[in-house]
Amino acid sequence: MRSVSVDDVLDRQFTADRLNQMGNAEVTCIRIAKGRLDTTAIIDLLSRQVVGGS
């Protein structure tokens, strides 16, 4: 597996003043017998609720 680095477009400011303005994503890759399982969760930074994933 390789690691990917991207620019910090939020400039480490993790507070939002409206819903769906900014989000944070967590990607997890798990090796299984048949290959790899990827899971993703996207969290809205204002409500702290999961708003998407796969």
C-alpha atoms as a PDB file:
ATOM      1  CA  MET A   1       0.000   0.000   0.000  1.00  0.00           C
ATOM      2  CA  ARG A   2       1.124   3.538  -0.605  1.00  0.00           C
ATOM      3  CA  SER A   3       0.460   6.689   1.322  1.00  0.00           C
ATOM      4  CA  VAL A   4      -0.911   9.784  -0.425  1.00  0.00           C
ATOM      5  CA  SER A   5      -0.288  13.317   0.799  1.00  0.00           C
ATOM      6  CA  VAL A   6      -2.495  16.286  -0.124  1.00  0.00           C
ATOM      7  CA  ASP A   7      -2.419  20.015   0.577  1.00  0.00           C
ATOM      8  CA  ASP A   8      -3.932  21.240   3.855  1.00  0.00           C
ATOM      9  CA  VAL A   9      -6.749  23.330   2.340  1.00  0.00           C
ATOM     10  CA  LEU A  10      -8.429  23.833   5.751  1.00  0.00           C
ATOM     11  CA  ASP A  11      -5.199  25.313   7.143  1.00  0.00           C
ATOM     12  CA  ARG A  12      -5.801  23.291  10.351  1.00  0.00           C
ATOM     13  CA  GLN A  13      -9.023  25.283  11.043  1.00  0.00           C
ATOM     14  CA  PHE A  14     -11.511  22.545  11.957  1.00  0.00           C
ATOM     15  CA  THR A  15     -14.500  24.691  12.940  1.00  0.00           C
ATOM     16  CA  ALA A  16     -17.393  25.494  10.629  1.00  0.00           C
ATOM     17  CA  ASP A  17     -20.271  27.955  10.950  1.00  0.00           C
ATOM     18  CA  ARG A  18     -22.768  26.185   8.658  1.00  0.00           C
ATOM     19  CA  LEU A  19     -23.708  22.618   7.840  1.00  0.00           C
ATOM     20  CA  ASN A  20     -22.053  20.883   4.883  1.00  0.00           C
ATOM     21  CA  GLN A  21     -19.396  23.610   4.652  1.00  0.00           C
ATOM     22  CA  MET A  22     -16.424  21.461   5.670  1.00  0.00           C
ATOM     23  CA  GLY A  23     -15.925  17.784   6.285  1.00  0.00           C
ATOM     24  CA  ASN A  24     -13.330  15.337   7.449  1.00  0.00           C
ATOM     25  CA  ALA A  25     -12.823  11.886   5.947  1.00  0.00           C
ATOM     26  CA  GLU A  26     -11.284   8.738   7.375  1.00  0.00           C
ATOM     27  CA  VAL A  27     -10.180   5.980   5.024  1.00  0.00           C
ATOM     28  CA  THR A  28      -9.285   2.529   6.334  1.00  0.00           C
ATOM     29  CA  CYS A  29      -7.805  -0.258   4.216  1.00  0.00           C
ATOM     30  CA  ILE A  30      -7.929  -3.817   5.556  1.00  0.00           C
ATOM     31  CA  ARG A  31      -6.170  -6.746   3.901  1.00  0.00           C
ATOM     32  CA  ILE A  32      -8.406  -9.810   3.639  1.00  0.00           C
ATOM     33  CA  ALA A  33      -7.948 -13.232   2.045  1.00  0.00           C
ATOM     34  CA  LYS A  34      -9.485 -12.111  -1.269  1.00  0.00           C
ATOM     35  CA  GLY A  35      -7.620  -8.804  -1.520  1.00  0.00           C
ATOM     36  CA  ARG A  36      -8.392  -5.540   0.223  1.00  0.00           C
ATOM     37  CA  LEU A  37     -11.428  -3.978   1.932  1.00  0.00           C
ATOM     38  CA  ASP A  38     -11.634  -0.167   1.864  1.00  0.00           C
ATOM     39  CA  THR A  39     -14.003   1.746   4.154  1.00  0.00           C
ATOM     40  CA  THR A  40     -14.610   5.489   4.279  1.00  0.00           C
ATOM     41  CA  ALA A  41     -16.547   7.776   6.644  1.00  0.00           C
ATOM     42  CA  ILE A  42     -17.146  11.485   6.013  1.00  0.00           C
ATOM     43  CA  ILE A  43     -17.987  13.656   9.037  1.00  0.00           C
ATOM     44  CA  ASP A  44     -19.482  17.170   8.901  1.00  0.00           C
ATOM     45  CA  LEU A  45     -17.278  19.450  11.037  1.00  0.00           C
ATOM     46  CA  LEU A  46     -20.206  21.482  12.452  1.00  0.00           C
ATOM     47  CA  SER A  47     -22.675  18.744  13.438  1.00  0.00           C
ATOM     48  CA  ARG A  48     -20.006  16.038  13.972  1.00  0.00           C
ATOM     49  CA  GLN A  49     -22.410  13.618  12.273  1.00  0.00           C
ATOM     50  CA  VAL A  50     -21.440  11.054   9.646  1.00  0.00           C
ATOM     51  CA  VAL A  51     -22.790  12.430   6.355  1.00  0.00           C
ATOM     52  CA  GLY A  52     -21.394   9.866   3.952  1.00  0.00           C
ATOM     53  CA  GLY A  53     -19.367   6.735   3.570  1.00  0.00           C
ATOM     54  CA  SER A  54     -18.860   3.524   1.709  1.00  0.00           C
END
